[in-house]
């Protein structure tokens, strides 16, 4: 189980079947540099065009179509002291009648202060002089190559992952992706220093990162991305409209409860009907992201 330090020289704005930049063994760890959603690197130089330039792809030995790639997020460290967001709220989260009153889009800069563990606006508007939310790093966009030679834009998401912007994709989480091509071809990028649910301004606090992940091949089949933290399991649906994303996530959770916890459809409905939680991962991009989440304390693995 080796550790690979990778510094990219090119980036991708699609997740597809490209020539791998590195081949790694099942169980290896990758430490990789990523740039922000607009292509700025750790020195704030323009290293690539947007949207969401990806580092990779990484070929994982032993990963075959029908397998699952487990990605343990070990560490996400911002590699510069600033990030940026847009304002105001995105069109997609406002009543249509409110859109004519919406101010023009503005890009603003935030200071990232690891020693204090907070972020703060460089030029806060009145009332936000003391607004210092905590640094909560997350991966906005990551996943594996889709089937049939397809290449999906990094502005959207699908069964292979992609731009999900779900803030539980953070250190301590293991994400699962369905493998569709030999080697899985794993990509990652679009790190956020902080973000609320939904990416409702069109961004998180976008910045460059050093990301550390460990890749493991599971000889099992899944349909949609899954994830696991110390406390929860969750499934992801990526689609539009929003109700379709919810349906994908719910169906995938029912499958998981049958496969690993021995619950038939009726038993799964009892659990899900009372303790399931739905999180909105993204409402801004072409595909909505919905997570179906259950606390592990309600489940017994078999």
C-alpha atoms as a PDB file:
ATOM      1  CA  UNK A   1       0.000   0.000   0.000  1.00  0.00           C
ATOM      2  CA  UNK A   2       2.060   2.877  -1.362  1.00  0.00           C
ATOM      3  CA  UNK A   3       1.661   6.647  -1.046  1.00  0.00           C
ATOM      4  CA  UNK A   4       1.903   8.586  -4.327  1.00  0.00           C
ATOM      5  CA  UNK A   5       2.588  12.352  -4.432  1.00  0.00           C
ATOM      6  CA  UNK A   6       1.163  13.756  -7.678  1.00  0.00           C
ATOM      7  CA  UNK A   7       1.548  17.291  -9.044  1.00  0.00           C
ATOM      8  CA  UNK A   8      -0.553  17.761 -12.206  1.00  0.00           C
ATOM      9  CA  UNK A   9       0.563  19.652 -15.289  1.00  0.00           C
ATOM     10  CA  UNK A  10      -2.801  19.505 -17.090  1.00  0.00           C
ATOM     11  CA  UNK A  11      -6.435  19.369 -16.037  1.00  0.00           C
ATOM     12  CA  UNK A  12      -9.756  18.152 -17.437  1.00  0.00           C
ATOM     13  CA  UNK A  13     -13.136  19.866 -17.636  1.00  0.00           C
ATOM     14  CA  UNK A  14     -14.840  16.551 -18.340  1.00  0.00           C
ATOM     15  CA  UNK A  15     -14.858  13.213 -16.550  1.00  0.00           C
ATOM     16  CA  UNK A  16     -14.332  10.583 -19.217  1.00  0.00           C
ATOM     17  CA  UNK A  17     -12.017   7.963 -20.690  1.00  0.00           C
ATOM     18  CA  UNK A  18      -8.699   9.807 -20.871  1.00  0.00           C
ATOM     19  CA  UNK A  19      -5.129   8.536 -20.692  1.00  0.00           C
ATOM     20  CA  UNK A  20      -4.327   7.931 -17.001  1.00  0.00           C
ATOM     21  CA  UNK A  21      -1.752  10.203 -15.372  1.00  0.00           C
ATOM     22  CA  UNK A  22      -0.791   7.557 -12.809  1.00  0.00           C
ATOM     23  CA  UNK A  23      -1.417   3.868 -12.194  1.00  0.00           C
ATOM     24  CA  UNK A  24      -1.859   2.861  -8.563  1.00  0.00           C
ATOM     25  CA  UNK A  25      -2.485  -0.402  -6.752  1.00  0.00           C
ATOM     26  CA  UNK A  26      -5.641  -1.337  -4.894  1.00  0.00           C
ATOM     27  CA  UNK A  27      -5.287   0.205  -1.423  1.00  0.00           C
ATOM     28  CA  UNK A  28      -2.798   2.930  -2.386  1.00  0.00           C
ATOM     29  CA  UNK A  29      -3.005   6.529  -1.185  1.00  0.00           C
ATOM     30  CA  UNK A  30      -2.749   9.547  -3.488  1.00  0.00           C
ATOM     31  CA  UNK A  31      -1.737  13.039  -2.368  1.00  0.00           C
ATOM     32  CA  UNK A  32      -2.629  15.379  -5.223  1.00  0.00           C
ATOM     33  CA  UNK A  33      -2.772  19.102  -5.893  1.00  0.00           C
ATOM     34  CA  UNK A  34      -6.048  20.527  -7.161  1.00  0.00           C
ATOM     35  CA  UNK A  35      -6.935  23.984  -8.448  1.00  0.00           C
ATOM     36  CA  UNK A  36     -10.078  25.987  -7.850  1.00  0.00           C
ATOM     37  CA  UNK A  37     -13.298  25.997  -9.878  1.00  0.00           C
ATOM     38  CA  UNK A  38     -12.117  28.848 -12.104  1.00  0.00           C
ATOM     39  CA  UNK A  39      -8.654  27.325 -12.688  1.00  0.00           C
ATOM     40  CA  UNK A  40      -6.556  29.307 -10.194  1.00  0.00           C
ATOM     41  CA  UNK A  41      -3.705  27.398  -8.539  1.00  0.00           C
ATOM     42  CA  UNK A  42      -2.019  27.796  -5.140  1.00  0.00           C
ATOM     43  CA  UNK A  43      -0.229  30.948  -6.361  1.00  0.00           C
ATOM     44  CA  UNK A  44      -3.524  32.352  -7.757  1.00  0.00           C
ATOM     45  CA  UNK A  45      -2.138  31.920 -11.271  1.00  0.00           C
ATOM     46  CA  UNK A  46      -4.455  30.797 -14.076  1.00  0.00           C
ATOM     47  CA  UNK A  47      -3.457  27.136 -14.511  1.00  0.00           C
ATOM     48  CA  UNK A  48      -6.507  26.007 -16.516  1.00  0.00           C
ATOM     49  CA  UNK A  49      -9.891  27.130 -17.738  1.00  0.00           C
ATOM     50  CA  UNK A  50     -13.091  26.423 -15.814  1.00  0.00           C
ATOM     51  CA  UNK A  51     -15.453  24.989 -14.917  1.00  0.00           C
ATOM     52  CA  UNK A  52     -14.086  22.775 -12.153  1.00  0.00           C
ATOM     53  CA  UNK A  53     -10.782  21.574 -13.665  1.00  0.00           C
ATOM     54  CA  UNK A  54     -10.056  18.017 -12.518  1.00  0.00           C
ATOM     55  CA  UNK A  55      -6.815  16.365 -11.437  1.00  0.00           C
ATOM     56  CA  UNK A  56      -6.416  12.850 -12.856  1.00  0.00           C
ATOM     57  CA  UNK A  57      -7.457  10.407 -14.082  1.00  0.00           C
ATOM     58  CA  UNK A  58      -5.891   7.770 -11.848  1.00  0.00           C
ATOM     59  CA  UNK A  59      -5.955   4.138 -12.989  1.00  0.00           C
ATOM     60  CA  UNK A  60      -6.582   1.694 -10.113  1.00  0.00           C
ATOM     61  CA  UNK A  61      -5.193  -1.773 -10.776  1.00  0.00           C
ATOM     62  CA  UNK A  62      -7.787  -4.518 -10.425  1.00  0.00           C
ATOM     63  CA  UNK A  63     -10.832  -2.271 -10.877  1.00  0.00           C
ATOM     64  CA  UNK A  64     -13.127  -3.740 -13.522  1.00  0.00           C
ATOM     65  CA  UNK A  65     -16.586  -2.823 -14.858  1.00  0.00           C
ATOM     66  CA  UNK A  66     -19.177  -3.943 -12.329  1.00  0.00           C
ATOM     67  CA  UNK A  67     -16.884  -3.298  -9.337  1.00  0.00           C
ATOM     68  CA  UNK A  68     -17.073  -0.421  -6.870  1.00  0.00           C
ATOM     69  CA  UNK A  69     -14.294   2.077  -6.154  1.00  0.00           C
ATOM     70  CA  UNK A  70     -14.179   3.150  -2.490  1.00  0.00           C
ATOM     71  CA  UNK A  71     -12.533   6.557  -2.001  1.00  0.00           C
ATOM     72  CA  UNK A  72     -11.586   7.324   1.595  1.00  0.00           C
ATOM     73  CA  UNK A  73     -11.129  11.074   2.056  1.00  0.00           C
ATOM     74  CA  UNK A  74      -8.163  11.287   4.425  1.00  0.00           C
ATOM     75  CA  UNK A  75      -7.222  14.965   4.311  1.00  0.00           C
ATOM     76  CA  UNK A  76      -8.216  18.185   2.506  1.00  0.00           C
ATOM     77  CA  UNK A  77      -5.799  21.064   3.084  1.00  0.00           C
ATOM     78  CA  UNK A  78      -6.315  24.474   1.422  1.00  0.00           C
ATOM     79  CA  UNK A  79      -3.089  25.442  -0.339  1.00  0.00           C
ATOM     80  CA  UNK A  80      -3.595  29.200  -0.327  1.00  0.00           C
ATOM     81  CA  UNK A  81      -4.919  31.851   2.039  1.00  0.00           C
ATOM     82  CA  UNK A  82      -7.823  33.092  -0.092  1.00  0.00           C
ATOM     83  CA  UNK A  83     -10.938  31.754  -1.770  1.00  0.00           C
ATOM     84  CA  UNK A  84     -13.877  33.250  -3.596  1.00  0.00           C
ATOM     85  CA  UNK A  85     -17.627  32.983  -3.930  1.00  0.00           C
ATOM     86  CA  UNK A  86     -20.391  34.530  -5.964  1.00  0.00           C
ATOM     87  CA  UNK A  87     -23.344  36.488  -4.682  1.00  0.00           C
ATOM     88  CA  UNK A  88     -26.330  36.939  -4.597  1.00  0.00           C
ATOM     89  CA  UNK A  89     -28.524  33.807  -4.387  1.00  0.00           C
ATOM     90  CA  UNK A  90     -28.824  31.774  -7.588  1.00  0.00           C
ATOM     91  CA  UNK A  91     -31.904  32.060  -9.829  1.00  0.00           C
ATOM     92  CA  UNK A  92     -32.743  28.411  -9.123  1.00  0.00           C
ATOM     93  CA  UNK A  93     -33.516  29.004  -5.433  1.00  0.00           C
ATOM     94  CA  UNK A  94     -35.589  32.185  -5.796  1.00  0.00           C
ATOM     95  CA  UNK A  95     -39.264  32.692  -6.526  1.00  0.00           C
ATOM     96  CA  UNK A  96     -39.610  33.820 -10.156  1.00  0.00           C
ATOM     97  CA  UNK A  97     -41.211  37.063  -8.958  1.00  0.00           C
ATOM     98  CA  UNK A  98     -38.073  37.870  -6.946  1.00  0.00           C
ATOM     99  CA  UNK A  99     -35.642  37.494  -9.857  1.00  0.00           C
ATOM    100  CA  UNK A 100     -36.133  41.006 -11.348  1.00  0.00           C
ATOM    101  CA  UNK A 101     -35.066  42.480  -7.998  1.00  0.00           C
ATOM    102  CA  UNK A 102     -31.961  40.300  -7.780  1.00  0.00           C
ATOM    103  CA  UNK A 103     -28.734  42.362  -7.832  1.00  0.00           C
ATOM    104  CA  UNK A 104     -26.039  41.693 -10.411  1.00  0.00           C
ATOM    105  CA  UNK A 105     -23.693  38.760  -9.870  1.00  0.00           C
ATOM    106  CA  UNK A 106     -20.561  39.680  -7.954  1.00  0.00           C
ATOM    107  CA  UNK A 107     -17.408  37.700  -7.178  1.00  0.00           C
ATOM    108  CA  UNK A 108     -16.041  38.323  -3.678  1.00  0.00           C
ATOM    109  CA  UNK A 109     -12.862  37.217  -1.897  1.00  0.00           C
ATOM    110  CA  UNK A 110     -12.587  35.448   1.462  1.00  0.00           C
ATOM    111  CA  UNK A 111      -9.560  35.070   3.721  1.00  0.00           C
ATOM    112  CA  UNK A 112      -8.880  31.492   4.850  1.00  0.00           C
ATOM    113  CA  UNK A 113      -7.254  31.424   8.292  1.00  0.00           C
ATOM    114  CA  UNK A 114      -6.138  27.891   9.257  1.00  0.00           C
ATOM    115  CA  UNK A 115      -4.657  29.051  12.569  1.00  0.00           C
ATOM    116  CA  UNK A 116      -8.030  30.462  13.616  1.00  0.00           C
ATOM    117  CA  UNK A 117      -9.984  27.745  11.800  1.00  0.00           C
ATOM    118  CA  UNK A 118     -12.317  30.258  10.158  1.00  0.00           C
ATOM    119  CA  UNK A 119     -13.036  32.119   6.917  1.00  0.00           C
ATOM    120  CA  UNK A 120     -13.975  35.802   6.657  1.00  0.00           C
ATOM    121  CA  UNK A 121     -14.925  38.237   3.916  1.00  0.00           C
ATOM    122  CA  UNK A 122     -12.183  40.657   2.912  1.00  0.00           C
ATOM    123  CA  UNK A 123     -14.672  43.495   2.467  1.00  0.00           C
ATOM    124  CA  UNK A 124     -17.721  42.532   4.527  1.00  0.00           C
ATOM    125  CA  UNK A 125     -20.971  44.413   3.941  1.00  0.00           C
ATOM    126  CA  UNK A 126     -22.630  46.091   6.936  1.00  0.00           C
ATOM    127  CA  UNK A 127     -23.745  43.538   9.494  1.00  0.00           C
ATOM    128  CA  UNK A 128     -21.160  40.876   8.544  1.00  0.00           C
ATOM    129  CA  UNK A 129     -18.055  42.404  10.132  1.00  0.00           C
ATOM    130  CA  UNK A 130     -17.951  39.564  12.698  1.00  0.00           C
ATOM    131  CA  UNK A 131     -19.160  36.781  10.399  1.00  0.00           C
ATOM    132  CA  UNK A 132     -16.488  34.048  10.606  1.00  0.00           C
ATOM    133  CA  UNK A 133     -17.871  30.600   9.723  1.00  0.00           C
ATOM    134  CA  UNK A 134     -15.568  27.632  10.418  1.00  0.00           C
ATOM    135  CA  UNK A 135     -13.328  26.102   7.773  1.00  0.00           C
ATOM    136  CA  UNK A 136     -15.093  22.874   6.731  1.00  0.00           C
ATOM    137  CA  UNK A 137     -13.241  21.541   3.677  1.00  0.00           C
ATOM    138  CA  UNK A 138     -15.083  19.338   1.188  1.00  0.00           C
ATOM    139  CA  UNK A 139     -14.715  17.974  -2.348  1.00  0.00           C
ATOM    140  CA  UNK A 140     -17.188  19.516  -4.778  1.00  0.00           C
ATOM    141  CA  UNK A 141     -16.485  17.372  -7.839  1.00  0.00           C
ATOM    142  CA  UNK A 142     -15.022  13.863  -8.059  1.00  0.00           C
ATOM    143  CA  UNK A 143     -15.861  10.524  -9.594  1.00  0.00           C
ATOM    144  CA  UNK A 144     -14.976   7.870 -12.151  1.00  0.00           C
ATOM    145  CA  UNK A 145     -15.293   7.562 -15.927  1.00  0.00           C
ATOM    146  CA  UNK A 146     -18.818   6.777 -17.169  1.00  0.00           C
ATOM    147  CA  UNK A 147     -19.569   3.865 -19.534  1.00  0.00           C
ATOM    148  CA  UNK A 148     -19.691   3.735 -23.344  1.00  0.00           C
ATOM    149  CA  UNK A 149     -16.874   6.203 -23.923  1.00  0.00           C
ATOM    150  CA  UNK A 150     -18.933   9.089 -22.602  1.00  0.00           C
ATOM    151  CA  UNK A 151     -17.414  12.248 -21.127  1.00  0.00           C
ATOM    152  CA  UNK A 152     -19.549  14.312 -18.754  1.00  0.00           C
ATOM    153  CA  UNK A 153     -18.916  17.988 -18.081  1.00  0.00           C
ATOM    154  CA  UNK A 154     -17.537  18.831 -14.648  1.00  0.00           C
ATOM    155  CA  UNK A 155     -20.433  21.264 -14.251  1.00  0.00           C
ATOM    156  CA  UNK A 156     -22.852  18.351 -13.806  1.00  0.00           C
ATOM    157  CA  UNK A 157     -23.156  14.922 -12.179  1.00  0.00           C
ATOM    158  CA  UNK A 158     -24.551  11.473 -12.913  1.00  0.00           C
ATOM    159  CA  UNK A 159     -24.223   7.848 -11.805  1.00  0.00           C
ATOM    160  CA  UNK A 160     -20.428   8.098 -12.004  1.00  0.00           C
ATOM    161  CA  UNK A 161     -20.325  11.015  -9.527  1.00  0.00           C
ATOM    162  CA  UNK A 162     -19.180  14.418 -10.764  1.00  0.00           C
ATOM    163  CA  UNK A 163     -20.109  17.880  -9.533  1.00  0.00           C
ATOM    164  CA  UNK A 164     -22.293  16.906  -6.560  1.00  0.00           C
ATOM    165  CA  UNK A 165     -21.213  19.642  -4.121  1.00  0.00           C
ATOM    166  CA  UNK A 166     -22.433  17.611  -1.138  1.00  0.00           C
ATOM    167  CA  UNK A 167     -20.716  18.882   1.989  1.00  0.00           C
ATOM    168  CA  UNK A 168     -20.491  15.459   3.645  1.00  0.00           C
ATOM    169  CA  UNK A 169     -17.834  14.568   1.067  1.00  0.00           C
ATOM    170  CA  UNK A 170     -15.299  15.673   3.662  1.00  0.00           C
ATOM    171  CA  UNK A 171     -12.418  14.164   5.652  1.00  0.00           C
ATOM    172  CA  UNK A 172     -13.563  11.010   7.410  1.00  0.00           C
ATOM    173  CA  UNK A 173     -16.041  10.061   4.667  1.00  0.00           C
ATOM    174  CA  UNK A 174     -15.598   7.111   2.318  1.00  0.00           C
ATOM    175  CA  UNK A 175     -17.364   7.593  -1.030  1.00  0.00           C
ATOM    176  CA  UNK A 176     -18.287   4.668  -3.303  1.00  0.00           C
ATOM    177  CA  UNK A 177     -18.542   4.919  -7.103  1.00  0.00           C
ATOM    178  CA  UNK A 178     -19.754   2.322  -9.653  1.00  0.00           C
ATOM    179  CA  UNK A 179     -16.860   1.290 -11.916  1.00  0.00           C
ATOM    180  CA  UNK A 180     -17.692   1.320 -15.637  1.00  0.00           C
ATOM    181  CA  UNK A 181     -14.252   1.088 -17.316  1.00  0.00           C
ATOM    182  CA  UNK A 182     -11.040  -0.850 -16.569  1.00  0.00           C
ATOM    183  CA  UNK A 183      -9.025   0.944 -13.893  1.00  0.00           C
ATOM    184  CA  UNK A 184     -12.048   3.072 -12.885  1.00  0.00           C
ATOM    185  CA  UNK A 185     -10.243   6.276 -14.042  1.00  0.00           C
ATOM    186  CA  UNK A 186     -10.737   8.412 -10.934  1.00  0.00           C
ATOM    187  CA  UNK A 187     -10.757  12.242 -11.005  1.00  0.00           C
ATOM    188  CA  UNK A 188     -10.968  14.833  -8.218  1.00  0.00           C
ATOM    189  CA  UNK A 189     -10.987  18.597  -7.718  1.00  0.00           C
ATOM    190  CA  UNK A 190     -13.238  21.608  -7.021  1.00  0.00           C
ATOM    191  CA  UNK A 191     -12.367  21.924  -3.327  1.00  0.00           C
ATOM    192  CA  UNK A 192     -14.360  24.227  -1.059  1.00  0.00           C
ATOM    193  CA  UNK A 193     -13.081  25.685   2.218  1.00  0.00           C
ATOM    194  CA  UNK A 194     -16.675  26.086   3.401  1.00  0.00           C
ATOM    195  CA  UNK A 195     -20.178  25.697   1.950  1.00  0.00           C
ATOM    196  CA  UNK A 196     -23.757  25.458   3.152  1.00  0.00           C
ATOM    197  CA  UNK A 197     -26.273  22.968   1.789  1.00  0.00           C
ATOM    198  CA  UNK A 198     -27.087  23.214  -1.895  1.00  0.00           C
ATOM    199  CA  UNK A 199     -24.362  25.542  -3.227  1.00  0.00           C
ATOM    200  CA  UNK A 200     -27.170  28.103  -3.403  1.00  0.00           C
ATOM    201  CA  UNK A 201     -24.969  31.004  -4.545  1.00  0.00           C
ATOM    202  CA  UNK A 202     -23.465  28.900  -7.338  1.00  0.00           C
ATOM    203  CA  UNK A 203     -20.204  28.256  -5.462  1.00  0.00           C
ATOM    204  CA  UNK A 204     -18.719  27.233  -2.159  1.00  0.00           C
ATOM    205  CA  UNK A 205     -15.639  29.129  -1.006  1.00  0.00           C
ATOM    206  CA  UNK A 206     -13.558  28.057  -3.989  1.00  0.00           C
ATOM    207  CA  UNK A 207      -9.836  27.536  -3.445  1.00  0.00           C
ATOM    208  CA  UNK A 208      -6.909  25.272  -4.350  1.00  0.00           C
ATOM    209  CA  UNK A 209      -6.147  22.218  -2.223  1.00  0.00           C
ATOM    210  CA  UNK A 210      -3.766  19.426  -1.393  1.00  0.00           C
ATOM    211  CA  UNK A 211      -6.061  16.393  -1.266  1.00  0.00           C
ATOM    212  CA  UNK A 212      -5.216  12.999   0.218  1.00  0.00           C
ATOM    213  CA  UNK A 213      -7.395   9.989  -0.625  1.00  0.00           C
ATOM    214  CA  UNK A 214      -7.053   6.215  -0.381  1.00  0.00           C
ATOM    215  CA  UNK A 215      -8.493   4.064  -3.184  1.00  0.00           C
ATOM    216  CA  UNK A 216      -9.867   0.551  -2.628  1.00  0.00           C
ATOM    217  CA  UNK A 217     -11.565  -1.811  -5.089  1.00  0.00           C
ATOM    218  CA  UNK A 218     -14.690  -3.588  -3.825  1.00  0.00           C
ATOM    219  CA  UNK A 219     -15.900  -6.617  -5.762  1.00  0.00           C
ATOM    220  CA  UNK A 220     -19.538  -5.621  -5.594  1.00  0.00           C
ATOM    221  CA  UNK A 221     -21.981  -3.772  -7.844  1.00  0.00           C
ATOM    222  CA  UNK A 222     -23.771  -0.523  -7.039  1.00  0.00           C
ATOM    223  CA  UNK A 223     -25.905   1.712  -9.251  1.00  0.00           C
ATOM    224  CA  UNK A 224     -25.488   5.203  -7.746  1.00  0.00           C
ATOM    225  CA  UNK A 225     -22.768   6.726  -5.565  1.00  0.00           C
ATOM    226  CA  UNK A 226     -22.813   5.817  -1.887  1.00  0.00           C
ATOM    227  CA  UNK A 227     -20.990   7.117   1.156  1.00  0.00           C
ATOM    228  CA  UNK A 228     -20.204   6.278   4.743  1.00  0.00           C
ATOM    229  CA  UNK A 229     -19.087   8.343   7.744  1.00  0.00           C
ATOM    230  CA  UNK A 230     -18.466   7.306  11.333  1.00  0.00           C
ATOM    231  CA  UNK A 231     -22.144   7.919  12.093  1.00  0.00           C
ATOM    232  CA  UNK A 232     -24.140   7.550   8.855  1.00  0.00           C
ATOM    233  CA  UNK A 233     -24.537   5.770   5.561  1.00  0.00           C
ATOM    234  CA  UNK A 234     -25.916   7.700   2.588  1.00  0.00           C
ATOM    235  CA  UNK A 235     -26.801   7.221  -1.061  1.00  0.00           C
ATOM    236  CA  UNK A 236     -26.695   9.850  -3.811  1.00  0.00           C
ATOM    237  CA  UNK A 237     -29.104  10.595  -6.638  1.00  0.00           C
ATOM    238  CA  UNK A 238     -28.017  13.008  -9.378  1.00  0.00           C
ATOM    239  CA  UNK A 239     -30.727  14.053 -11.820  1.00  0.00           C
ATOM    240  CA  UNK A 240     -33.188  16.711 -12.892  1.00  0.00           C
ATOM    241  CA  UNK A 241     -35.938  17.305 -11.860  1.00  0.00           C
ATOM    242  CA  UNK A 242     -35.359  17.220  -8.115  1.00  0.00           C
ATOM    243  CA  UNK A 243     -37.897  14.474  -7.455  1.00  0.00           C
ATOM    244  CA  UNK A 244     -36.023  12.134  -9.831  1.00  0.00           C
ATOM    245  CA  UNK A 245     -32.775  12.682  -7.913  1.00  0.00           C
ATOM    246  CA  UNK A 246     -34.640  11.818  -4.705  1.00  0.00           C
ATOM    247  CA  UNK A 247     -36.062   8.655  -6.290  1.00  0.00           C
ATOM    248  CA  UNK A 248     -32.602   7.447  -7.355  1.00  0.00           C
ATOM    249  CA  UNK A 249     -31.162   8.058  -3.879  1.00  0.00           C
ATOM    250  CA  UNK A 250     -34.089   6.346  -2.143  1.00  0.00           C
ATOM    251  CA  UNK A 251     -34.031   3.280  -4.386  1.00  0.00           C
ATOM    252  CA  UNK A 252     -30.262   2.920  -3.917  1.00  0.00           C
ATOM    253  CA  UNK A 253     -30.693   3.076  -0.132  1.00  0.00           C
ATOM    254  CA  UNK A 254     -33.368   0.373  -0.217  1.00  0.00           C
ATOM    255  CA  UNK A 255     -30.953  -1.832  -2.208  1.00  0.00           C
ATOM    256  CA  UNK A 256     -28.146  -1.202   0.293  1.00  0.00           C
ATOM    257  CA  UNK A 257     -30.333  -2.088   3.266  1.00  0.00           C
ATOM    258  CA  UNK A 258     -31.152  -5.399   1.591  1.00  0.00           C
ATOM    259  CA  UNK A 259     -27.574  -6.224   0.535  1.00  0.00           C
ATOM    260  CA  UNK A 260     -25.678  -5.411   3.734  1.00  0.00           C
ATOM    261  CA  UNK A 261     -28.322  -5.365   6.464  1.00  0.00           C
ATOM    262  CA  UNK A 262     -30.653  -8.175   5.388  1.00  0.00           C
ATOM    263  CA  UNK A 263     -33.786  -6.014   5.248  1.00  0.00           C
ATOM    264  CA  UNK A 264     -36.480  -6.870   2.723  1.00  0.00           C
ATOM    265  CA  UNK A 265     -38.541  -4.147   1.077  1.00  0.00           C
ATOM    266  CA  UNK A 266     -41.087  -4.046   3.909  1.00  0.00           C
ATOM    267  CA  UNK A 267     -38.470  -3.986   6.684  1.00  0.00           C
ATOM    268  CA  UNK A 268     -36.481  -1.319   4.829  1.00  0.00           C
ATOM    269  CA  UNK A 269     -39.632   0.797   4.561  1.00  0.00           C
ATOM    270  CA  UNK A 270     -40.106   0.671   8.356  1.00  0.00           C
ATOM    271  CA  UNK A 271     -36.579   1.952   8.934  1.00  0.00           C
ATOM    272  CA  UNK A 272     -36.574   4.533   6.169  1.00  0.00           C
ATOM    273  CA  UNK A 273     -40.075   5.773   6.925  1.00  0.00           C
ATOM    274  CA  UNK A 274     -39.077   6.795  10.444  1.00  0.00           C
ATOM    275  CA  UNK A 275     -35.378   7.689  10.519  1.00  0.00           C
ATOM    276  CA  UNK A 276     -34.266   8.589   6.987  1.00  0.00           C
ATOM    277  CA  UNK A 277     -32.945  12.112   6.393  1.00  0.00           C
ATOM    278  CA  UNK A 278     -32.692  13.830   3.013  1.00  0.00           C
ATOM    279  CA  UNK A 279     -29.913  16.341   2.316  1.00  0.00           C
ATOM    280  CA  UNK A 280     -29.789  18.656  -0.685  1.00  0.00           C
ATOM    281  CA  UNK A 281     -26.301  18.503  -2.125  1.00  0.00           C
ATOM    282  CA  UNK A 282     -26.739  20.773  -5.136  1.00  0.00           C
ATOM    283  CA  UNK A 283     -29.547  22.879  -6.590  1.00  0.00           C
ATOM    284  CA  UNK A 284     -27.468  25.050  -8.919  1.00  0.00           C
ATOM    285  CA  UNK A 285     -26.051  22.706 -11.565  1.00  0.00           C
ATOM    286  CA  UNK A 286     -27.700  20.875 -14.498  1.00  0.00           C
ATOM    287  CA  UNK A 287     -28.309  17.839 -12.263  1.00  0.00           C
ATOM    288  CA  UNK A 288     -29.666  18.205  -8.755  1.00  0.00           C
ATOM    289  CA  UNK A 289     -27.975  16.150  -6.031  1.00  0.00           C
ATOM    290  CA  UNK A 290     -29.997  14.537  -3.238  1.00  0.00           C
ATOM    291  CA  UNK A 291     -28.520  12.391  -0.453  1.00  0.00           C
ATOM    292  CA  UNK A 292     -30.622   9.793   1.371  1.00  0.00           C
ATOM    293  CA  UNK A 293     -29.035   9.352   4.824  1.00  0.00           C
ATOM    294  CA  UNK A 294     -29.551   6.950   7.739  1.00  0.00           C
ATOM    295  CA  UNK A 295     -27.743   6.925  11.087  1.00  0.00           C
ATOM    296  CA  UNK A 296     -25.789   3.710  11.681  1.00  0.00           C
ATOM    297  CA  UNK A 297     -27.193   3.418  15.207  1.00  0.00           C
ATOM    298  CA  UNK A 298     -30.458   2.153  13.663  1.00  0.00           C
ATOM    299  CA  UNK A 299     -28.765  -0.585  11.626  1.00  0.00           C
ATOM    300  CA  UNK A 300     -27.010  -3.900  12.215  1.00  0.00           C
ATOM    301  CA  UNK A 301     -24.692  -5.089   9.448  1.00  0.00           C
ATOM    302  CA  UNK A 302     -24.939  -8.769   8.492  1.00  0.00           C
END
